[in-house]
PDB file of N, CA and C in Angstrom:
ATOM      1  N   MET A   1      -0.433 -65.247  -7.913  1.00  0.00           N
ATOM      2  CA  MET A   1      -0.568 -66.067  -8.793  1.00  0.00           C
ATOM      3  C   MET A   1      -1.456 -65.004 -10.138  1.00  0.00           C
ATOM      4  N   ALA A   2      -2.042 -64.104  -9.372  1.00  0.00           N
ATOM      5  CA  ALA A   2      -2.416 -62.784 -10.096  1.00  0.00           C
ATOM      6  C   ALA A   2      -1.999 -62.719 -11.451  1.00  0.00           C
ATOM      7  N   LYS A   3      -0.470 -62.489 -11.359  1.00  0.00           N
ATOM      8  CA  LYS A   3       0.636 -62.026 -13.020  1.00  0.00           C
ATOM      9  C   LYS A   3       0.634 -63.340 -13.177  1.00  0.00           C
ATOM     10  N   VAL A   4       0.853 -64.178 -12.831  1.00  0.00           N
ATOM     11  CA  VAL A   4       0.189 -65.402 -13.683  1.00  0.00           C
ATOM     12  C   VAL A   4      -0.661 -65.457 -14.607  1.00  0.00           C
ATOM     13  N   HIS A   5      -2.227 -65.313 -14.170  1.00  0.00           N
ATOM     14  CA  HIS A   5      -3.265 -65.733 -14.733  1.00  0.00           C
ATOM     15  C   HIS A   5      -3.367 -64.295 -15.524  1.00  0.00           C
ATOM     16  N   TRP A   6      -3.355 -63.294 -15.478  1.00  0.00           N
ATOM     17  CA  TRP A   6      -2.243 -62.368 -16.496  1.00  0.00           C
ATOM     18  C   TRP A   6      -1.265 -62.600 -17.639  1.00  0.00           C
ATOM     19  N   LEU A   7      -0.125 -63.166 -16.954  1.00  0.00           N
ATOM     20  CA  LEU A   7       0.455 -63.827 -18.285  1.00  0.00           C
ATOM     21  C   LEU A   7      -0.420 -65.170 -19.270  1.00  0.00           C
ATOM     22  N   VAL A   8      -0.528 -65.429 -18.335  1.00  0.00           N
ATOM     23  CA  VAL A   8      -1.545 -66.439 -19.668  1.00  0.00           C
ATOM     24  C   VAL A   8      -2.514 -65.956 -20.202  1.00  0.00           C
ATOM     25  N   ALA A   9      -3.399 -65.022 -19.772  1.00  0.00           N
ATOM     26  CA  ALA A   9      -4.381 -64.866 -20.519  1.00  0.00           C
ATOM     27  C   ALA A   9      -4.218 -63.526 -21.531  1.00  0.00           C
ATOM     28  N   THR A  10      -3.363 -63.055 -21.157  1.00  0.00           N
ATOM     29  CA  THR A  10      -2.329 -61.922 -22.207  1.00  0.00           C
ATOM     30  C   THR A  10      -1.680 -62.856 -23.573  1.00  0.00           C
ATOM     31  N   THR A  11      -1.300 -63.578 -23.116  1.00  0.00           N
ATOM     32  CA  THR A  11      -0.727 -64.852 -24.137  1.00  0.00           C
ATOM     33  C   THR A  11      -2.126 -65.181 -25.172  1.00  0.00           C
ATOM     34  N   LEU A  12      -2.632 -66.272 -24.369  1.00  0.00           N
ATOM     35  CA  LEU A  12      -3.278 -66.607 -25.337  1.00  0.00           C
ATOM     36  C   LEU A  12      -4.718 -65.192 -26.463  1.00  0.00           C
ATOM     37  N   LEU A  13      -4.963 -64.346 -25.618  1.00  0.00           N
ATOM     38  CA  LEU A  13      -5.857 -63.698 -25.886  1.00  0.00           C
ATOM     39  C   LEU A  13      -4.756 -62.931 -27.238  1.00  0.00           C
ATOM     40  N   VAL A  14      -3.200 -62.335 -27.230  1.00  0.00           N
ATOM     41  CA  VAL A  14      -2.589 -61.947 -28.145  1.00  0.00           C
ATOM     42  C   VAL A  14      -2.634 -62.668 -29.184  1.00  0.00           C
ATOM     43  N   ALA A  15      -2.632 -64.224 -28.754  1.00  0.00           N
ATOM     44  CA  ALA A  15      -2.532 -65.478 -30.171  1.00  0.00           C
ATOM     45  C   ALA A  15      -3.554 -65.487 -30.841  1.00  0.00           C
ATOM     46  N   LEU A  16      -4.503 -65.091 -30.234  1.00  0.00           N
ATOM     47  CA  LEU A  16      -5.812 -65.115 -31.055  1.00  0.00           C
ATOM     48  C   LEU A  16      -6.096 -64.196 -31.800  1.00  0.00           C
ATOM     49  N   LEU A  17      -5.415 -62.539 -31.402  1.00  0.00           N
ATOM     50  CA  LEU A  17      -5.886 -61.278 -32.105  1.00  0.00           C
ATOM     51  C   LEU A  17      -4.597 -61.968 -33.497  1.00  0.00           C
ATOM     52  N   LEU A  18      -3.718 -62.026 -33.310  1.00  0.00           N
ATOM     53  CA  LEU A  18      -3.182 -62.266 -34.577  1.00  0.00           C
ATOM     54  C   LEU A  18      -2.455 -63.703 -35.097  1.00  0.00           C
ATOM     55  N   GLY A  19      -3.681 -64.145 -34.908  1.00  0.00           N
ATOM     56  CA  GLY A  19      -3.544 -65.511 -35.459  1.00  0.00           C
ATOM     57  C   GLY A  19      -2.847 -66.264 -35.751  1.00  0.00           C
ATOM     58  N   GLY A  20      -1.923 -66.275 -34.902  1.00  0.00           N
ATOM     59  CA  GLY A  20      -0.815 -67.943 -34.195  1.00  0.00           C
ATOM     60  C   GLY A  20      -0.255 -68.270 -33.381  1.00  0.00           C
ATOM     61  N   ALA A  21       0.106 -68.829 -33.125  1.00  0.00           N
ATOM     62  CA  ALA A  21       0.172 -69.877 -31.932  1.00  0.00           C
ATOM     63  C   ALA A  21      -0.011 -71.729 -31.863  1.00  0.00           C
ATOM     64  N   GLN A  22       0.094 -72.240 -33.168  1.00  0.00           N
ATOM     65  CA  GLN A  22       0.030 -73.380 -33.338  1.00  0.00           C
ATOM     66  C   GLN A  22       0.168 -74.536 -32.148  1.00  0.00           C
ATOM     67  N   LYS A  23       0.739 -74.399 -31.061  1.00  0.00           N
ATOM     68  CA  LYS A  23       0.167 -75.001 -30.241  1.00  0.00           C
ATOM     69  C   LYS A  23      -0.728 -75.423 -29.294  1.00  0.00           C
ATOM     70  N   ALA A  24      -0.739 -76.176 -28.829  1.00  0.00           N
ATOM     71  CA  ALA A  24      -2.610 -76.591 -27.888  1.00  0.00           C
ATOM     72  C   ALA A  24      -2.146 -75.448 -27.103  1.00  0.00           C
ATOM     73  N   VAL A  25      -3.417 -75.073 -25.620  1.00  0.00           N
ATOM     74  CA  VAL A  25      -3.142 -73.998 -24.949  1.00  0.00           C
ATOM     75  C   VAL A  25      -4.282 -74.066 -24.838  1.00  0.00           C
ATOM     76  N   SER A  26      -4.490 -74.173 -23.206  1.00  0.00           N
ATOM     77  CA  SER A  26      -6.083 -74.846 -22.839  1.00  0.00           C
ATOM     78  C   SER A  26      -5.824 -73.555 -21.650  1.00  0.00           C
ATOM     79  N   LEU A  27      -7.026 -72.985 -21.930  1.00  0.00           N
ATOM     80  CA  LEU A  27      -7.822 -71.656 -20.578  1.00  0.00           C
ATOM     81  C   LEU A  27      -9.300 -71.754 -20.792  1.00  0.00           C
ATOM     82  N   CYS A  28      -9.849 -72.343 -19.332  1.00  0.00           N
ATOM     83  CA  CYS A  28     -10.821 -72.252 -18.689  1.00  0.00           C
ATOM     84  C   CYS A  28     -11.239 -73.042 -19.878  1.00  0.00           C
ATOM     85  N   GLY A  29     -11.388 -74.351 -20.359  1.00  0.00           N
ATOM     86  CA  GLY A  29     -11.659 -75.166 -21.026  1.00  0.00           C
ATOM     87  C   GLY A  29     -11.760 -74.703 -22.216  1.00  0.00           C
ATOM     88  N   ILE A  30     -11.173 -74.087 -22.502  1.00  0.00           N
ATOM     89  CA  ILE A  30     -10.859 -73.543 -24.373  1.00  0.00           C
ATOM     90  C   ILE A  30      -9.745 -74.530 -24.125  1.00  0.00           C
ATOM     91  N   ASP A  31      -9.596 -75.272 -25.602  1.00  0.00           N
ATOM     92  CA  ASP A  31      -8.597 -76.105 -26.060  1.00  0.00           C
ATOM     93  C   ASP A  31      -7.649 -75.270 -26.520  1.00  0.00           C
ATOM     94  N   SER A  32      -8.083 -74.342 -27.603  1.00  0.00           N
ATOM     95  CA  SER A  32      -6.815 -73.452 -28.347  1.00  0.00           C
ATOM     96  C   SER A  32      -7.140 -72.387 -28.762  1.00  0.00           C
ATOM     97  N   PRO A  33      -6.391 -71.234 -29.017  1.00  0.00           N
ATOM     98  CA  PRO A  33      -6.553 -69.812 -29.881  1.00  0.00           C
ATOM     99  C   PRO A  33      -7.383 -70.182 -31.310  1.00  0.00           C
ATOM    100  N   LYS A  34      -7.796 -70.843 -31.917  1.00  0.00           N
ATOM    101  CA  LYS A  34      -8.699 -71.564 -32.803  1.00  0.00           C
ATOM    102  C   LYS A  34      -9.666 -71.874 -32.546  1.00  0.00           C
ATOM    103  N   GLN A  35     -10.098 -72.822 -31.155  1.00  0.00           N
ATOM    104  CA  GLN A  35     -11.675 -72.391 -30.495  1.00  0.00           C
ATOM    105  C   GLN A  35     -12.354 -71.026 -30.207  1.00  0.00           C
ATOM    106  N   LEU A  36     -11.473 -70.016 -29.992  1.00  0.00           N
ATOM    107  CA  LEU A  36     -11.885 -68.939 -29.761  1.00  0.00           C
ATOM    108  C   LEU A  36     -11.707 -68.009 -30.793  1.00  0.00           C
ATOM    109  N   ASP A  37     -11.073 -67.948 -31.714  1.00  0.00           N
ATOM    110  CA  ASP A  37     -11.171 -67.491 -32.758  1.00  0.00           C
ATOM    111  C   ASP A  37     -12.576 -67.068 -33.967  1.00  0.00           C
ATOM    112  N   LEU A  38     -13.215 -69.155 -33.066  1.00  0.00           N
ATOM    113  CA  LEU A  38     -14.691 -68.665 -33.951  1.00  0.00           C
ATOM    114  C   LEU A  38     -15.747 -67.981 -32.985  1.00  0.00           C
ATOM    115  N   CYS A  39     -15.343 -66.939 -32.248  1.00  0.00           N
ATOM    116  CA  CYS A  39     -16.137 -66.009 -31.896  1.00  0.00           C
ATOM    117  C   CYS A  39     -15.732 -64.843 -31.929  1.00  0.00           C
ATOM    118  N   ARG A  40     -14.520 -64.760 -32.623  1.00  0.00           N
ATOM    119  CA  ARG A  40     -14.147 -63.322 -32.710  1.00  0.00           C
ATOM    120  C   ARG A  40     -14.855 -62.355 -33.275  1.00  0.00           C
ATOM    121  N   GLU A  41     -15.099 -62.547 -34.066  1.00  0.00           N
ATOM    122  CA  GLU A  41     -17.086 -61.017 -35.089  1.00  0.00           C
ATOM    123  C   GLU A  41     -17.698 -61.406 -33.984  1.00  0.00           C
ATOM    124  N   ALA A  42     -18.059 -62.304 -32.965  1.00  0.00           N
ATOM    125  CA  ALA A  42     -19.072 -61.991 -32.383  1.00  0.00           C
ATOM    126  C   ALA A  42     -18.080 -61.020 -31.173  1.00  0.00           C
ATOM    127  N   ILE A  43     -17.634 -60.478 -31.019  1.00  0.00           N
ATOM    128  CA  ILE A  43     -16.826 -59.665 -29.802  1.00  0.00           C
ATOM    129  C   ILE A  43     -16.338 -58.622 -30.168  1.00  0.00           C
ATOM    130  N   THR A  44     -16.331 -58.425 -31.418  1.00  0.00           N
ATOM    131  CA  THR A  44     -15.474 -57.338 -31.621  1.00  0.00           C
ATOM    132  C   THR A  44     -16.138 -56.163 -32.820  1.00  0.00           C
ATOM    133  N   GLY A  45     -15.987 -54.910 -32.328  1.00  0.00           N
ATOM    134  CA  GLY A  45     -16.621 -54.354 -33.366  1.00  0.00           C
ATOM    135  C   GLY A  45     -16.969 -53.548 -32.549  1.00  0.00           C
ATOM    136  N   LYS A  46     -18.135 -52.103 -33.434  1.00  0.00           N
ATOM    137  CA  LYS A  46     -19.285 -51.553 -32.385  1.00  0.00           C
ATOM    138  C   LYS A  46     -20.497 -52.403 -32.340  1.00  0.00           C
ATOM    139  N   TYR A  47     -20.519 -52.597 -33.085  1.00  0.00           N
ATOM    140  CA  TYR A  47     -22.217 -53.722 -33.841  1.00  0.00           C
ATOM    141  C   TYR A  47     -22.140 -55.491 -34.043  1.00  0.00           C
ATOM    142  N   PRO A  48     -21.315 -55.983 -33.427  1.00  0.00           N
ATOM    143  CA  PRO A  48     -21.388 -57.435 -33.230  1.00  0.00           C
ATOM    144  C   PRO A  48     -22.336 -57.828 -34.012  1.00  0.00           C
ATOM    145  N   PRO A  49     -22.627 -58.771 -34.946  1.00  0.00           N
ATOM    146  CA  PRO A  49     -23.071 -59.910 -35.423  1.00  0.00           C
ATOM    147  C   PRO A  49     -23.184 -60.590 -34.275  1.00  0.00           C
ATOM    148  N   LYS A  50     -24.297 -61.923 -33.873  1.00  0.00           N
ATOM    149  CA  LYS A  50     -24.637 -62.875 -33.409  1.00  0.00           C
ATOM    150  C   LYS A  50     -23.906 -63.803 -33.572  1.00  0.00           C
ATOM    151  N   PRO A  51     -23.760 -64.652 -32.607  1.00  0.00           N
ATOM    152  CA  PRO A  51     -23.074 -65.390 -32.488  1.00  0.00           C
ATOM    153  C   PRO A  51     -22.861 -66.634 -32.969  1.00  0.00           C
ATOM    154  N   LYS A  52     -22.050 -67.497 -34.234  1.00  0.00           N
ATOM    155  CA  LYS A  52     -22.436 -68.850 -34.857  1.00  0.00           C
ATOM    156  C   LYS A  52     -22.638 -69.672 -33.902  1.00  0.00           C
ATOM    157  N   GLU A  53     -22.689 -70.222 -34.078  1.00  0.00           N
ATOM    158  CA  GLU A  53     -23.597 -72.139 -33.839  1.00  0.00           C
ATOM    159  C   GLU A  53     -22.555 -72.566 -33.205  1.00  0.00           C
ATOM    160  N   LYS A  54     -20.901 -72.413 -34.016  1.00  0.00           N
ATOM    161  CA  LYS A  54     -19.443 -73.022 -33.496  1.00  0.00           C
ATOM    162  C   LYS A  54     -19.235 -71.972 -32.411  1.00  0.00           C
ATOM    163  N   CYS A  55     -19.221 -71.002 -32.483  1.00  0.00           N
ATOM    164  CA  CYS A  55     -18.690 -69.970 -31.357  1.00  0.00           C
ATOM    165  C   CYS A  55     -19.839 -70.003 -29.558  1.00  0.00           C
ATOM    166  N   CYS A  56     -21.197 -70.579 -29.570  1.00  0.00           N
ATOM    167  CA  CYS A  56     -21.976 -70.972 -28.803  1.00  0.00           C
ATOM    168  C   CYS A  56     -21.568 -72.070 -28.387  1.00  0.00           C
ATOM    169  N   ALA A  57     -21.177 -72.750 -29.161  1.00  0.00           N
ATOM    170  CA  ALA A  57     -20.388 -74.696 -28.464  1.00  0.00           C
ATOM    171  C   ALA A  57     -19.704 -74.111 -27.959  1.00  0.00           C
ATOM    172  N   VAL A  58     -17.992 -73.662 -28.281  1.00  0.00           N
ATOM    173  CA  VAL A  58     -16.984 -73.220 -27.401  1.00  0.00           C
ATOM    174  C   VAL A  58     -17.368 -72.940 -26.514  1.00  0.00           C
ATOM    175  N   ILE A  59     -18.427 -72.064 -26.174  1.00  0.00           N
ATOM    176  CA  ILE A  59     -18.892 -71.259 -24.670  1.00  0.00           C
ATOM    177  C   ILE A  59     -19.796 -71.925 -24.087  1.00  0.00           C
ATOM    178  N   ARG A  60     -20.361 -72.525 -24.515  1.00  0.00           N
ATOM    179  CA  ARG A  60     -20.750 -73.893 -24.129  1.00  0.00           C
ATOM    180  C   ARG A  60     -20.288 -74.436 -22.736  1.00  0.00           C
ATOM    181  N   HIS A  61     -18.447 -75.313 -23.608  1.00  0.00           N
ATOM    182  CA  HIS A  61     -18.320 -76.053 -22.639  1.00  0.00           C
ATOM    183  C   HIS A  61     -17.089 -75.049 -22.355  1.00  0.00           C
ATOM    184  N   ALA A  62     -16.586 -74.120 -21.651  1.00  0.00           N
ATOM    185  CA  ALA A  62     -16.015 -73.064 -21.604  1.00  0.00           C
ATOM    186  C   ALA A  62     -16.676 -72.767 -19.748  1.00  0.00           C
ATOM    187  N   ASN A  63     -16.284 -73.016 -19.302  1.00  0.00           N
ATOM    188  CA  ASN A  63     -15.586 -72.744 -17.842  1.00  0.00           C
ATOM    189  C   ASN A  63     -16.134 -70.907 -17.610  1.00  0.00           C
ATOM    190  N   LEU A  64     -16.858 -70.683 -17.760  1.00  0.00           N
ATOM    191  CA  LEU A  64     -17.413 -69.102 -17.975  1.00  0.00           C
ATOM    192  C   LEU A  64     -17.029 -68.533 -16.787  1.00  0.00           C
ATOM    193  N   THR A  65     -17.109 -68.905 -15.832  1.00  0.00           N
ATOM    194  CA  THR A  65     -16.453 -67.622 -13.992  1.00  0.00           C
ATOM    195  C   THR A  65     -15.081 -68.172 -14.536  1.00  0.00           C
ATOM    196  N   CYS A  66     -14.419 -68.949 -15.098  1.00  0.00           N
ATOM    197  CA  CYS A  66     -13.458 -68.821 -14.993  1.00  0.00           C
ATOM    198  C   CYS A  66     -12.735 -67.800 -15.907  1.00  0.00           C
ATOM    199  N   LEU A  67     -13.369 -68.082 -17.199  1.00  0.00           N
ATOM    200  CA  LEU A  67     -12.893 -66.688 -18.342  1.00  0.00           C
ATOM    201  C   LEU A  67     -13.428 -65.566 -17.716  1.00  0.00           C
ATOM    202  N   CYS A  68     -15.066 -64.946 -16.608  1.00  0.00           N
ATOM    203  CA  CYS A  68     -14.450 -64.125 -16.044  1.00  0.00           C
ATOM    204  C   CYS A  68     -13.954 -63.217 -15.714  1.00  0.00           C
ATOM    205  N   GLY A  69     -12.964 -64.171 -15.328  1.00  0.00           N
ATOM    206  CA  GLY A  69     -11.924 -63.623 -14.194  1.00  0.00           C
ATOM    207  C   GLY A  69     -10.904 -62.970 -14.925  1.00  0.00           C
ATOM    208  N   TYR A  70     -11.050 -63.048 -16.842  1.00  0.00           N
ATOM    209  CA  TYR A  70      -9.487 -62.260 -17.189  1.00  0.00           C
ATOM    210  C   TYR A  70     -10.596 -60.782 -17.878  1.00  0.00           C
ATOM    211  N   LYS A  71     -11.692 -60.535 -17.735  1.00  0.00           N
ATOM    212  CA  LYS A  71     -12.195 -59.184 -18.362  1.00  0.00           C
ATOM    213  C   LYS A  71     -11.804 -58.001 -18.259  1.00  0.00           C
ATOM    214  N   SER A  72     -11.004 -57.837 -17.475  1.00  0.00           N
ATOM    215  CA  SER A  72     -10.299 -56.702 -17.260  1.00  0.00           C
ATOM    216  C   SER A  72      -9.458 -56.601 -18.106  1.00  0.00           C
ATOM    217  N   LEU A  73      -8.830 -57.955 -18.517  1.00  0.00           N
ATOM    218  CA  LEU A  73      -7.880 -57.537 -19.737  1.00  0.00           C
ATOM    219  C   LEU A  73      -8.164 -57.714 -21.277  1.00  0.00           C
ATOM    220  N   LEU A  74      -9.233 -57.760 -21.228  1.00  0.00           N
ATOM    221  CA  LEU A  74      -9.775 -57.646 -22.796  1.00  0.00           C
ATOM    222  C   LEU A  74      -9.442 -56.174 -23.573  1.00  0.00           C
ATOM    223  N   PRO A  75      -9.770 -55.268 -23.157  1.00  0.00           N
ATOM    224  CA  PRO A  75      -9.558 -54.133 -23.714  1.00  0.00           C
ATOM    225  C   PRO A  75      -8.387 -53.945 -24.224  1.00  0.00           C
ATOM    226  N   SER A  76      -7.500 -54.438 -23.613  1.00  0.00           N
ATOM    227  CA  SER A  76      -5.741 -54.266 -23.775  1.00  0.00           C
ATOM    228  C   SER A  76      -5.565 -55.142 -25.177  1.00  0.00           C
ATOM    229  N   VAL A  77      -6.100 -55.963 -25.172  1.00  0.00           N
ATOM    230  CA  VAL A  77      -6.290 -56.845 -27.315  1.00  0.00           C
ATOM    231  C   VAL A  77      -7.279 -56.570 -28.030  1.00  0.00           C
ATOM    232  N   GLY A  78      -8.419 -55.354 -27.547  1.00  0.00           N
ATOM    233  CA  GLY A  78      -9.271 -54.759 -28.521  1.00  0.00           C
ATOM    234  C   GLY A  78     -10.212 -55.715 -28.587  1.00  0.00           C
ATOM    235  N   ILE A  79     -10.881 -55.977 -27.541  1.00  0.00           N
ATOM    236  CA  ILE A  79     -11.635 -57.412 -27.764  1.00  0.00           C
ATOM    237  C   ILE A  79     -12.676 -55.935 -26.766  1.00  0.00           C
ATOM    238  N   ASN A  80     -14.012 -55.483 -26.716  1.00  0.00           N
ATOM    239  CA  ASN A  80     -14.927 -55.202 -26.644  1.00  0.00           C
ATOM    240  C   ASN A  80     -15.883 -56.080 -25.348  1.00  0.00           C
ATOM    241  N   PRO A  81     -15.237 -55.725 -24.104  1.00  0.00           N
ATOM    242  CA  PRO A  81     -15.971 -56.751 -23.147  1.00  0.00           C
ATOM    243  C   PRO A  81     -17.335 -56.607 -22.620  1.00  0.00           C
ATOM    244  N   THR A  82     -17.687 -55.784 -22.992  1.00  0.00           N
ATOM    245  CA  THR A  82     -19.510 -55.304 -22.900  1.00  0.00           C
ATOM    246  C   THR A  82     -20.121 -56.665 -24.467  1.00  0.00           C
ATOM    247  N   ASN A  83     -19.398 -56.630 -25.262  1.00  0.00           N
ATOM    248  CA  ASN A  83     -19.970 -57.532 -26.304  1.00  0.00           C
ATOM    249  C   ASN A  83     -19.562 -59.695 -25.648  1.00  0.00           C
ATOM    250  N   ALA A  84     -17.889 -59.705 -25.463  1.00  0.00           N
ATOM    251  CA  ALA A  84     -17.901 -60.363 -25.293  1.00  0.00           C
ATOM    252  C   ALA A  84     -18.591 -60.661 -23.984  1.00  0.00           C
ATOM    253  N   LEU A  85     -18.693 -60.201 -22.661  1.00  0.00           N
ATOM    254  CA  LEU A  85     -20.020 -60.653 -21.435  1.00  0.00           C
ATOM    255  C   LEU A  85     -21.206 -60.884 -22.022  1.00  0.00           C
ATOM    256  N   ALA A  86     -21.513 -60.392 -23.232  1.00  0.00           N
ATOM    257  CA  ALA A  86     -22.706 -60.816 -23.489  1.00  0.00           C
ATOM    258  C   ALA A  86     -23.013 -62.338 -24.456  1.00  0.00           C
ATOM    259  N   LEU A  87     -21.823 -62.750 -24.291  1.00  0.00           N
ATOM    260  CA  LEU A  87     -21.621 -64.104 -25.359  1.00  0.00           C
ATOM    261  C   LEU A  87     -21.912 -64.955 -24.390  1.00  0.00           C
ATOM    262  N   PRO A  88     -22.721 -65.569 -23.496  1.00  0.00           N
ATOM    263  CA  PRO A  88     -23.525 -66.585 -22.958  1.00  0.00           C
ATOM    264  C   PRO A  88     -24.786 -66.188 -23.042  1.00  0.00           C
ATOM    265  N   ARG A  89     -25.342 -65.273 -22.898  1.00  0.00           N
ATOM    266  CA  ARG A  89     -26.613 -64.650 -22.840  1.00  0.00           C
ATOM    267  C   ARG A  89     -27.289 -64.989 -24.466  1.00  0.00           C
ATOM    268  N   LYS A  90     -26.333 -64.682 -25.131  1.00  0.00           N
ATOM    269  CA  LYS A  90     -26.400 -64.926 -27.068  1.00  0.00           C
ATOM    270  C   LYS A  90     -26.844 -65.943 -27.550  1.00  0.00           C
ATOM    271  N   CYS A  91     -25.687 -66.771 -26.256  1.00  0.00           N
ATOM    272  CA  CYS A  91     -26.157 -68.964 -27.012  1.00  0.00           C
ATOM    273  C   CYS A  91     -27.100 -69.200 -26.324  1.00  0.00           C
ATOM    274  N   GLY A  92     -27.704 -68.667 -25.508  1.00  0.00           N
ATOM    275  CA  GLY A  92     -28.794 -69.522 -24.195  1.00  0.00           C
ATOM    276  C   GLY A  92     -28.839 -69.551 -22.991  1.00  0.00           C
ATOM    277  N   LEU A  93     -27.245 -68.978 -22.322  1.00  0.00           N
ATOM    278  CA  LEU A  93     -26.809 -69.550 -21.140  1.00  0.00           C
ATOM    279  C   LEU A  93     -27.447 -69.038 -20.345  1.00  0.00           C
ATOM    280  N   LYS A  94     -27.219 -69.279 -19.357  1.00  0.00           N
ATOM    281  CA  LYS A  94     -27.210 -68.043 -17.918  1.00  0.00           C
ATOM    282  C   LYS A  94     -25.727 -67.272 -17.960  1.00  0.00           C
ATOM    283  N   THR A  95     -25.664 -65.625 -17.557  1.00  0.00           N
ATOM    284  CA  THR A  95     -24.277 -65.195 -17.593  1.00  0.00           C
ATOM    285  C   THR A  95     -24.450 -65.396 -16.118  1.00  0.00           C
ATOM    286  N   PRO A  96     -23.054 -66.107 -15.670  1.00  0.00           N
ATOM    287  CA  PRO A  96     -22.609 -65.794 -14.775  1.00  0.00           C
ATOM    288  C   PRO A  96     -21.814 -64.761 -13.590  1.00  0.00           C
ATOM    289  N   ARG A  97     -22.328 -64.890 -12.359  1.00  0.00           N
ATOM    290  CA  ARG A  97     -22.484 -63.408 -11.703  1.00  0.00           C
ATOM    291  C   ARG A  97     -21.512 -62.560 -12.274  1.00  0.00           C
ATOM    292  N   GLN A  98     -20.518 -63.011 -11.877  1.00  0.00           N
ATOM    293  CA  GLN A  98     -19.236 -62.848 -11.720  1.00  0.00           C
ATOM    294  C   GLN A  98     -18.791 -61.676 -13.150  1.00  0.00           C
ATOM    295  N   CYS A  99     -19.593 -62.710 -14.897  1.00  0.00           N
ATOM    296  CA  CYS A  99     -19.486 -61.719 -15.837  1.00  0.00           C
ATOM    297  C   CYS A  99     -20.135 -60.297 -16.302  1.00  0.00           C
ATOM    298  N   LYS A 100     -20.903 -60.180 -14.936  1.00  0.00           N
ATOM    299  CA  LYS A 100     -21.963 -59.150 -15.237  1.00  0.00           C
ATOM    300  C   LYS A 100     -21.015 -58.386 -15.147  1.00  0.00           C
ATOM    301  N   VAL A 101     -21.536 -57.528 -16.414  1.00  0.00           N
ATOM    302  CA  VAL A 101     -20.659 -55.548 -16.407  1.00  0.00           C
ATOM    303  C   VAL A 101     -20.903 -54.406 -15.813  1.00  0.00           C
ATOM    304  N   ALA A 102     -20.384 -53.968 -14.957  1.00  0.00           N
ATOM    305  CA  ALA A 102     -20.941 -53.279 -14.051  1.00  0.00           C
ATOM    306  C   ALA A 102     -21.275 -51.763 -14.415  1.00  0.00           C
TER     307      ALA A 102
END
C-alpha cells in the first residue's frame, strides 16, 4: 500500500511542478494539479509569500491528515516541507498532529 501512496503522490507532485497533467486526479480531497498549483509560490523557495485566498480555499477543502502522509516525498519534488506543512496555520486552520515538522 505504501508503494501505491508513493506512486500516486509522486505522479501528482511531478505533474504539479511540470505544469502538465490535464486529466483530473484526486488526492486527499484535492481534485487536480491545477488546484495544487494555486499554492506553489507559498510552498517553494526559502522565503515564500503568504498563501493567497485561493490557495487557502484549496487547503480548507483538503484532507490534511491524508496530505501529511506524503510529507516525506516533498523534498524529492522541490517542495520545502516546512513551508508546505505551515500552510494550514497560515490559512487559519489547525495543523493536524501528523503534519507537525519534527
